[in-house]
Amino acid sequence: MSAQSDRSKNTGIKLVAIILGVVIAGLAAFLFLLVIVSGIFGKETEGASESSACTPGDTSSTGVQIPSEYEEYIEDAAAESGFSPQVIGAQIQQESGFDPDAESPAGAQGIAQFMPATWATIGEGGDVFDPEDSIAAMGRYMKDLREFMEDHASDDEHLLELSLAGYNAGQGAVQQHDYDLDRMFQSGGYKEETKPYVENITAAAEGDYTSNCQHSDGGDVPEGDAVETAMHLAWDKKVELEFSAAGSHGKEEAKPEFVETSTEINDDIHTAYFTDCGVFAATVMISSGIDPEFPVRGTGEQLNYFQNSDDYEFFVPESEGELQPGDLLIVPGHIYMYSGERHEGQDGRALGASLYTRPPSGHDLYLSDDRGEYHVARYVGSGS
């Protein structure tokens, strides 16, 4: 056979290979697009479960809400990490709410909330405030954590939980507790911060991967019980912040359920909205369905509302023994909710926020302060 014939044969083989490659790539792209449109991702290594699809306009899902401009970055980070796009998306949603300029009081920066020291080793010279760089670094870091935890995980779900705990608290903290998260979560800040961090992300990752999917009902907010709703919306332990009057102050530190639900009942976000005690009380009473007419903001307006409503018993208590779970305690300038015993400690019997300094969380119980004696507003109406 001549050299020219060999060249022609080789050229034909290459052409067929190229055509096959194009066809396969096109088919893969079509299947990938089909998966995104349908909102359904199959299980990957962490064993995330499927649930009903959430598409724009559908409010029934509690899945991850991923802005379209970050989809590609998250896909790449997920592939790097070995975890699913749901996990990486839920992590970013928990870390920063997809805010590329986020900065925490502790010093964490960017959409993936890296501390400067960690960024110096994982950032590969990128910009922590550039979402593409930061999300890619999250993928690399989660890969490192996955490999570090792999030999100590009992199954894929456990591996994910260990890796998430490592991202939040540091892999050394997980190692020091012998990779026993039950033991780790019994102590100090790990119980208050790392445990809900892991639980929130794994729960969100079990929902659907969605792009800009709007939730108008605040998720699965408990209805008909003020204390259950308050506990759903507030951190169990007291959370303290630096003083700020910025409209978004406290948004990153507040429980995601509260951020979502409170912004659905009111779109006027200003003056430390996510630390406003009246906003928390209103969000509880409205989202629970107990009192849809509850004033959204302003303790003066709320105080007047109680005084003129037949739906509330209004009195000054002499002791805690007169209180019932769900009672609202109010003076001009402050309002909070009595929850009954939740845990030991002064912040274990009430829930509330404090304008400028605390998002909804555990609240000290007192019947008077420098503003005067607190009245109790006890709902006695029939509800909605």
Protein backbone atom coordinates (compact mmCIF):
# COMPACT_ATOMS: atom_id res chain seq x y z
CA MET A 1 0.00 0.00 0.00
CA SER A 2 1.36 3.45 -0.96
CA ALA A 3 2.25 6.15 1.57
CA GLN A 4 -0.48 8.32 0.07
CA SER A 5 -3.02 5.54 0.68
CA ASP A 6 -1.83 5.25 4.27
CA ARG A 7 -2.19 9.00 4.73
CA SER A 8 -5.69 8.90 3.24
CA LYS A 9 -6.68 6.05 5.53
CA ASN A 10 -5.29 7.81 8.59
CA THR A 11 -7.07 11.02 7.59
CA GLY A 12 -10.35 9.12 7.28
CA ILE A 13 -9.92 7.49 10.67
CA LYS A 14 -9.16 10.87 12.26
CA LEU A 15 -12.22 12.39 10.58
CA VAL A 16 -14.47 9.62 11.88
CA ALA A 17 -13.01 10.06 15.36
CA ILE A 18 -13.61 13.80 15.26
CA ILE A 19 -17.22 13.30 14.12
CA LEU A 20 -17.82 10.72 16.85
CA GLY A 21 -16.28 13.07 19.40
CA VAL A 22 -18.54 15.92 18.32
CA VAL A 23 -21.61 13.66 18.46
CA ILE A 24 -20.71 12.34 21.91
CA ALA A 25 -19.96 15.83 23.22
CA GLY A 26 -23.24 17.10 21.81
CA LEU A 27 -25.16 14.24 23.39
CA ALA A 28 -23.47 14.86 26.74
CA ALA A 29 -24.28 18.55 26.58
CA PHE A 30 -27.92 17.77 25.74
CA LEU A 31 -28.23 15.33 28.64
CA PHE A 32 -26.60 17.85 30.98
CA LEU A 33 -29.02 20.57 29.91
CA LEU A 34 -31.93 18.18 30.32
CA VAL A 35 -30.85 17.43 33.89
CA ILE A 36 -30.67 21.12 34.81
CA VAL A 37 -34.03 21.96 33.26
CA SER A 38 -35.73 19.09 35.02
CA GLY A 39 -34.13 20.12 38.34
CA ILE A 40 -33.17 16.53 39.11
CA PHE A 41 -29.62 15.41 39.85
CA GLY A 42 -28.86 11.74 40.39
CA LYS A 43 -27.12 10.62 43.54
CA GLU A 44 -23.40 11.15 43.66
CA THR A 45 -20.95 9.88 46.19
CA GLU A 46 -22.48 11.55 49.19
CA GLY A 47 -25.84 9.85 48.66
CA ALA A 48 -28.05 12.94 48.33
CA SER A 49 -31.66 11.95 47.82
CA GLU A 50 -33.99 13.17 45.13
CA SER A 51 -37.21 15.02 45.81
CA SER A 52 -39.90 16.83 43.86
CA ALA A 53 -38.62 19.22 41.23
CA CYS A 54 -38.49 22.93 41.91
CA THR A 55 -38.71 25.19 38.90
CA PRO A 56 -39.15 28.97 38.83
CA GLY A 57 -42.61 29.70 40.20
CA ASP A 58 -42.84 26.45 42.20
CA THR A 59 -42.64 27.16 45.93
CA SER A 60 -42.83 23.62 47.27
CA SER A 61 -39.14 22.72 47.29
CA THR A 62 -36.53 23.35 49.95
CA GLY A 63 -33.69 22.76 47.53
CA VAL A 64 -30.60 24.84 46.89
CA GLN A 65 -31.23 28.15 45.15
CA ILE A 66 -28.23 28.79 42.87
CA PRO A 67 -28.01 32.05 40.89
CA SER A 68 -27.45 31.25 37.23
CA GLU A 69 -24.19 33.22 37.06
CA TYR A 70 -22.56 30.76 39.48
CA GLU A 71 -23.80 27.49 37.98
CA GLU A 72 -20.70 26.77 35.90
CA TYR A 73 -18.31 27.58 38.74
CA ILE A 74 -20.23 25.30 41.09
CA GLU A 75 -20.30 22.47 38.56
CA ASP A 76 -16.53 22.69 38.21
CA ALA A 77 -15.97 22.88 41.97
CA ALA A 78 -18.25 19.89 42.52
CA ALA A 79 -16.33 17.83 39.98
CA GLU A 80 -13.07 18.77 41.70
CA SER A 81 -14.35 17.99 45.19
CA GLY A 82 -16.04 14.67 44.48
CA PHE A 83 -19.24 15.97 46.05
CA SER A 84 -22.37 16.98 44.19
CA PRO A 85 -23.38 20.43 42.91
CA GLN A 86 -26.16 20.38 45.53
CA VAL A 87 -23.58 20.15 48.30
CA ILE A 88 -21.31 22.90 46.97
CA GLY A 89 -24.31 25.12 46.24
CA ALA A 90 -25.81 24.52 49.70
CA GLN A 91 -22.44 25.28 51.26
CA ILE A 92 -22.14 28.62 49.50
CA GLN A 93 -25.75 29.43 50.32
CA GLN A 94 -24.98 28.75 54.00
CA GLU A 95 -21.62 30.55 53.99
CA SER A 96 -22.55 33.82 52.30
CA GLY A 97 -25.98 33.65 50.72
CA PHE A 98 -24.12 33.94 47.37
CA ASP A 99 -22.72 37.36 48.29
CA PRO A 100 -19.26 37.65 46.67
CA ASP A 101 -18.38 40.64 48.89
CA ALA A 102 -19.34 38.99 52.18
CA GLU A 103 -17.10 39.53 55.20
CA SER A 104 -17.84 37.96 58.57
CA PRO A 105 -17.09 39.50 61.98
CA ALA A 106 -14.47 36.76 62.42
CA GLY A 107 -12.66 37.86 59.25
CA ALA A 108 -13.84 35.27 56.72
CA GLN A 109 -14.06 36.72 53.22
CA GLY A 110 -15.77 36.20 49.89
CA ILE A 111 -18.56 34.02 48.61
CA ALA A 112 -16.97 30.87 50.11
CA GLN A 113 -15.89 32.62 53.36
CA PHE A 114 -12.18 31.83 53.56
CA MET A 115 -10.08 33.09 56.43
CA PRO A 116 -6.96 34.92 55.14
CA ALA A 117 -4.58 32.24 56.42
CA THR A 118 -6.53 29.48 54.69
CA TRP A 119 -6.82 31.50 51.50
CA ALA A 120 -3.05 31.95 51.45
CA THR A 121 -2.61 28.18 51.16
CA ILE A 122 -5.64 27.25 49.03
CA GLY A 123 -6.28 30.37 46.93
CA GLU A 124 -3.46 29.74 44.42
CA GLY A 125 -2.86 33.46 44.04
CA GLY A 126 -6.48 34.26 43.16
CA ASP A 127 -8.79 36.97 44.47
CA VAL A 128 -10.89 35.83 47.41
CA PHE A 129 -13.62 38.29 46.36
CA ASP A 130 -13.75 36.90 42.82
CA PRO A 131 -16.51 34.23 42.82
CA GLU A 132 -14.78 32.15 40.16
CA ASP A 133 -11.55 31.98 42.19
CA SER A 134 -13.28 31.52 45.53
CA ILE A 135 -15.67 28.77 44.42
CA ALA A 136 -12.83 26.92 42.69
CA ALA A 137 -10.86 27.08 45.94
CA MET A 138 -13.85 25.67 47.80
CA GLY A 139 -13.81 22.72 45.42
CA ARG A 140 -10.09 22.15 46.06
CA TYR A 141 -10.48 22.48 49.80
CA MET A 142 -13.43 20.10 49.93
CA LYS A 143 -11.39 17.61 47.91
CA ASP A 144 -8.56 17.87 50.47
CA LEU A 145 -11.01 17.43 53.33
CA ARG A 146 -12.64 14.48 51.62
CA GLU A 147 -9.30 12.73 51.26
CA PHE A 148 -8.34 13.57 54.85
CA MET A 149 -11.59 12.15 56.27
CA GLU A 150 -12.08 9.21 53.91
CA ASP A 151 -10.43 6.53 56.02
CA HIS A 152 -12.46 7.55 59.07
CA ALA A 153 -15.94 7.64 57.49
CA SER A 154 -18.40 4.81 57.94
CA ASP A 155 -20.26 5.62 54.72
CA ASP A 156 -20.69 8.34 52.10
CA GLU A 157 -23.11 10.35 54.22
CA HIS A 158 -20.72 10.28 57.16
CA LEU A 159 -17.88 11.34 54.86
CA LEU A 160 -19.84 14.40 53.76
CA GLU A 161 -20.65 15.34 57.36
CA LEU A 162 -17.02 14.98 58.43
CA SER A 163 -15.85 17.09 55.49
CA LEU A 164 -18.38 19.84 56.17
CA ALA A 165 -17.43 19.88 59.86
CA GLY A 166 -13.82 20.23 58.78
CA TYR A 167 -14.64 23.15 56.50
CA ASN A 168 -16.43 24.98 59.30
CA ALA A 169 -14.29 24.13 62.32
CA GLY A 170 -11.02 22.95 60.79
CA GLN A 171 -9.91 19.41 60.07
CA GLY A 172 -7.79 19.46 63.23
CA ALA A 173 -10.88 19.94 65.38
CA VAL A 174 -12.55 16.92 63.80
CA GLN A 175 -9.38 14.87 64.27
CA GLN A 176 -9.06 15.93 67.93
CA HIS A 177 -12.53 14.50 68.56
CA ASP A 178 -11.49 11.18 66.95
CA TYR A 179 -13.81 11.87 63.99
CA ASP A 180 -16.78 11.41 66.34
CA LEU A 181 -19.21 14.19 65.44
CA ASP A 182 -21.67 13.25 68.18
CA ARG A 183 -18.95 13.90 70.73
CA MET A 184 -17.70 16.98 68.94
CA PHE A 185 -21.17 18.53 68.78
CA GLN A 186 -21.63 18.21 72.54
CA SER A 187 -19.00 20.83 73.26
CA GLY A 188 -19.03 24.62 73.19
CA GLY A 189 -19.10 26.43 69.89
CA TYR A 190 -19.21 23.24 67.87
CA LYS A 191 -22.73 22.55 69.14
CA GLU A 192 -23.82 26.12 68.48
CA GLU A 193 -22.16 26.68 65.10
CA THR A 194 -20.72 23.56 63.45
CA LYS A 195 -23.65 21.24 64.18
CA PRO A 196 -26.31 23.50 62.57
CA TYR A 197 -23.85 24.27 59.76
CA VAL A 198 -23.58 20.58 58.86
CA GLU A 199 -27.29 19.92 59.35
CA ASN A 200 -28.43 22.92 57.28
CA ILE A 201 -26.19 22.06 54.35
CA THR A 202 -26.99 18.36 54.24
CA ALA A 203 -30.71 19.12 54.47
CA ALA A 204 -30.55 21.67 51.65
CA ALA A 205 -28.41 19.35 49.53
CA GLU A 206 -31.09 16.67 49.73
CA GLY A 207 -33.50 19.02 47.98
CA ASP A 208 -33.30 19.96 44.34
CA TYR A 209 -30.62 21.83 42.47
CA THR A 210 -32.45 24.90 41.16
CA SER A 211 -31.57 28.13 39.43
CA ASN A 212 -33.12 31.29 40.89
CA CYS A 213 -36.00 29.24 42.27
CA GLN A 214 -38.18 31.54 44.34
CA HIS A 215 -39.66 30.34 47.61
CA SER A 216 -42.59 32.50 48.65
CA ASP A 217 -43.69 30.49 51.66
CA GLY A 218 -40.49 30.52 53.71
CA GLY A 219 -40.01 26.77 53.45
CA ASP A 220 -41.47 24.38 55.99
CA VAL A 221 -42.25 26.94 58.71
CA PRO A 222 -44.22 25.25 61.52
CA GLU A 223 -47.76 26.59 61.72
CA GLY A 224 -50.08 27.12 64.65
CA ASP A 225 -47.45 27.05 67.42
CA ALA A 226 -45.55 30.26 68.14
CA VAL A 227 -42.71 28.58 70.04
CA GLU A 228 -42.10 25.94 67.37
CA THR A 229 -42.05 28.66 64.72
CA ALA A 230 -39.69 30.81 66.80
CA MET A 231 -37.32 27.89 67.32
CA HIS A 232 -37.41 27.18 63.58
CA LEU A 233 -36.42 30.78 62.82
CA ALA A 234 -33.91 31.51 65.62
CA TRP A 235 -30.64 30.00 66.77
CA ASP A 236 -31.05 28.17 70.08
CA LYS A 237 -28.08 29.89 71.77
CA LYS A 238 -27.47 33.61 72.05
CA VAL A 239 -25.53 35.12 69.12
CA GLU A 240 -23.66 38.39 69.71
CA LEU A 241 -22.53 40.77 66.93
CA GLU A 242 -20.59 44.00 66.63
CA PHE A 243 -22.81 47.10 66.54
CA SER A 244 -24.00 48.21 63.10
CA ALA A 245 -27.02 50.03 61.69
CA ALA A 246 -26.49 48.79 58.11
CA GLY A 247 -29.67 47.46 56.54
CA SER A 248 -28.19 44.00 55.92
CA HIS A 249 -26.45 43.77 59.31
CA GLY A 250 -26.96 40.33 60.80
CA LYS A 251 -28.08 38.72 57.54
CA GLU A 252 -25.06 36.42 57.33
CA GLU A 253 -25.24 35.48 60.99
CA ALA A 254 -29.01 34.98 61.20
CA LYS A 255 -30.56 31.59 60.62
CA PRO A 256 -31.24 31.20 56.88
CA GLU A 257 -34.86 30.29 57.58
CA PHE A 258 -35.36 33.66 59.28
CA VAL A 259 -33.66 35.60 56.49
CA GLU A 260 -35.86 33.98 53.87
CA THR A 261 -39.12 34.20 55.79
CA SER A 262 -38.65 37.72 57.16
CA THR A 263 -37.92 39.16 53.72
CA GLU A 264 -41.04 37.50 52.34
CA ILE A 265 -43.34 39.24 54.81
CA ASN A 266 -41.69 42.64 54.28
CA ASP A 267 -39.48 44.02 51.50
CA ASP A 268 -38.53 47.24 53.33
CA ILE A 269 -35.02 46.21 54.40
CA HIS A 270 -33.28 48.97 56.34
CA THR A 271 -31.64 49.81 59.68
CA ALA A 272 -30.23 46.50 60.88
CA TYR A 273 -33.36 44.69 59.71
CA PHE A 274 -32.11 41.18 60.51
CA THR A 275 -31.40 42.12 64.14
CA ASP A 276 -34.70 43.90 64.74
CA CYS A 277 -36.60 42.44 67.71
CA GLY A 278 -39.96 43.58 66.32
CA VAL A 279 -39.25 42.01 62.91
CA PHE A 280 -38.52 38.69 64.61
CA ALA A 281 -41.75 38.79 66.64
CA ALA A 282 -43.76 39.74 63.55
CA THR A 283 -42.12 37.03 61.44
CA VAL A 284 -43.04 34.41 64.04
CA MET A 285 -46.65 35.53 64.44
CA ILE A 286 -47.31 36.05 60.72
CA SER A 287 -45.48 33.03 59.26
CA SER A 288 -47.00 30.70 61.87
CA GLY A 289 -50.45 31.78 60.72
CA ILE A 290 -51.37 32.78 64.27
CA ASP A 291 -51.77 36.51 63.58
CA PRO A 292 -51.41 37.62 59.93
CA GLU A 293 -52.26 41.22 60.91
CA PHE A 294 -49.33 41.56 63.31
CA PRO A 295 -47.43 44.86 62.70
CA VAL A 296 -44.14 44.08 60.96
CA ARG A 297 -41.91 46.66 62.56
CA GLY A 298 -41.83 49.11 65.44
CA THR A 299 -42.36 48.14 69.09
CA GLY A 300 -44.39 51.32 69.62
CA GLU A 301 -46.81 50.25 66.92
CA GLN A 302 -46.85 46.68 68.25
CA LEU A 303 -47.50 47.90 71.79
CA ASN A 304 -50.44 49.96 70.60
CA TYR A 305 -51.69 46.96 68.63
CA PHE A 306 -51.74 44.76 71.74
CA GLN A 307 -53.49 47.40 73.83
CA ASN A 308 -56.29 47.72 71.31
CA SER A 309 -56.75 44.09 70.26
CA ASP A 310 -59.29 41.65 71.68
CA ASP A 311 -57.04 38.83 70.49
CA TYR A 312 -54.43 39.45 73.19
CA GLU A 313 -54.48 39.32 76.96
CA PHE A 314 -52.26 42.18 78.11
CA PHE A 315 -50.83 42.39 81.65
CA VAL A 316 -47.72 43.00 83.76
CA PRO A 317 -46.39 39.70 85.22
CA GLU A 318 -45.05 39.54 88.75
CA SER A 319 -42.91 36.43 88.20
CA GLU A 320 -41.88 33.90 85.56
CA GLY A 321 -44.46 31.54 87.01
CA GLU A 322 -47.20 33.61 85.34
CA LEU A 323 -45.69 33.16 81.90
CA GLN A 324 -46.73 30.64 79.27
CA PRO A 325 -44.64 29.50 76.26
CA GLY A 326 -45.44 31.78 73.36
CA ASP A 327 -46.00 34.88 75.50
CA LEU A 328 -44.52 38.06 74.05
CA LEU A 329 -42.85 40.40 76.54
CA ILE A 330 -42.78 44.04 75.46
CA VAL A 331 -41.83 47.55 76.54
CA PRO A 332 -41.38 50.59 74.29
CA GLY A 333 -38.16 49.75 72.47
CA HIS A 334 -37.99 45.98 72.89
CA ILE A 335 -39.98 42.76 72.44
CA TYR A 336 -39.05 39.11 72.84
CA MET A 337 -40.74 35.71 73.30
CA TYR A 338 -40.88 33.41 76.29
CA SER A 339 -40.27 29.83 75.12
CA GLY A 340 -40.29 27.84 78.32
CA GLU A 341 -37.29 25.66 79.19
CA ARG A 342 -35.20 24.72 76.15
CA HIS A 343 -31.82 24.22 77.75
CA GLU A 344 -29.92 25.24 80.88
CA GLY A 345 -28.64 28.78 81.16
CA GLN A 346 -30.11 32.26 81.16
CA ASP A 347 -30.61 32.21 77.37
CA GLY A 348 -32.51 28.91 77.50
CA ARG A 349 -36.02 30.16 78.26
CA ALA A 350 -36.59 32.93 75.74
CA LEU A 351 -35.91 33.84 72.10
CA GLY A 352 -35.44 37.25 70.55
CA ALA A 353 -33.28 39.68 68.61
CA SER A 354 -31.61 42.92 69.64
CA LEU A 355 -31.43 45.82 67.22
CA TYR A 356 -27.86 46.41 65.95
CA THR A 357 -26.23 43.61 67.98
CA ARG A 358 -28.06 40.24 67.70
CA PRO A 359 -30.01 38.26 65.12
CA PRO A 360 -32.84 36.02 66.41
CA SER A 361 -31.33 33.62 68.94
CA GLY A 362 -31.40 32.61 72.58
CA HIS A 363 -32.46 35.53 74.78
CA ASP A 364 -31.98 36.26 78.48
CA LEU A 365 -35.23 36.20 80.44
CA TYR A 366 -36.07 39.32 82.44
CA LEU A 367 -39.31 41.02 83.46
CA SER A 368 -37.87 44.54 83.71
CA ASP A 369 -34.83 46.52 82.57
CA ASP A 370 -33.76 50.15 82.35
CA ARG A 371 -36.73 50.75 80.04
CA GLY A 372 -39.22 49.70 82.69
CA GLU A 373 -41.51 46.76 83.47
CA TYR A 374 -42.43 44.41 80.63
CA HIS A 375 -46.02 43.71 79.70
CA VAL A 376 -47.03 40.26 78.51
CA ALA A 377 -49.02 40.00 75.30
CA ARG A 378 -50.63 36.55 75.24
CA TYR A 379 -52.52 35.54 72.11
CA VAL A 380 -56.02 34.31 73.00
CA GLY A 381 -57.71 34.73 69.60
CA SER A 382 -58.76 31.94 67.29
CA GLY A 383 -55.93 32.36 64.77
CA SER A 384 -56.26 32.49 61.01
